[in-house]
Amino acid sequence: MDYADYLRGLKEKKENPNTPPSSVVMELRAAAGGDEAVIFAQDLKGMYQKYAERCGWKTRTVDDLTLEIASADAYEVLRYETGVHRVQRVPLTEKSGRIHTSTASVAVLPIRARSKIDINSADIEMEFSRSGGAGGQNVNKVETAVRLIHTPTGIDVRSLNERSQLANREKAMQILVAKLELLHEEEEQKKHAAARKAQIGTGDRSEKIRTYNYLQDRVTDHRLKASWHNLPKIMAGNLDDIIEALRARHREEASLAP
């Protein structure tokens, strides 16, 4: 199956495009802060994975900092995690005890049965590589890992943990479609930003939404102007209070909308 066939299949599906996504992909990226930012992104991935498991959702790692969560409820619950997360703490490698500030971005990508946008297969470049890692019959022998590049936007996606090259191609394509849809939605939001007054934020990935302050044992969500304590518990996946507060604010804003 080539990508023209895959994209044609997306268009021919009869599902309602407004049907809730069957899963989400959470893509985390280290931003400012060097190695400490990478560690923080890994910590966030672990936090979301533990939260998903507490909710009874299935999870799997697509790439080093990309997590897939299979649940029809996941997008509605996790959609407000999109944005820039900031951490303030003393890294284990810091001998003088100085506080470092690092950031990581989170994108929550709904995986839908039907794409809302058209993608030209000629705009997609494909690369193959060996998956790497320990164990397995085909690890480091067969080029099963797949990287897709959407040339007009420069967006690239990797999938390396599926069992076959075909499965990785399909997974990477699903994520690429979701990322392009998110980009399209962000562009639409920016067009109407002047008229938009929702306090939860635009969902733009450049927007700083939360700070994790280890010295003060506090997590602060800047959209809600609210804080929670017991940071180790939160990082262990106990996000219920924060997520429910965000969802409650969204319901309140929606009820006030004209």
Foldseek 3Di string as FASTA:
>chain_A
DAVVVVLVVLVPDPDDQPQQFQKKKKAKFWDPDPPVSVVVLQLQQLQQVLQLVVVVWDWDDFDSNMIMTGHSCVCVLCLLQFAKEKEWAQDPPHPVRDIDITIMGIHIFGQHSHFPDHDDSVQKDKDWAFLDDDDDDCGPPDRQKMKIARNVVRDIFIGRPDPGNVVRVVVRVSVVSRVVVVVVQLVVCVVCVVVDDQLSDSSDHHHYAWYCYPVVQWIAGPSVRDIDGNNVVSSSHPCVVVSVVSSVSVVVVVVPDD
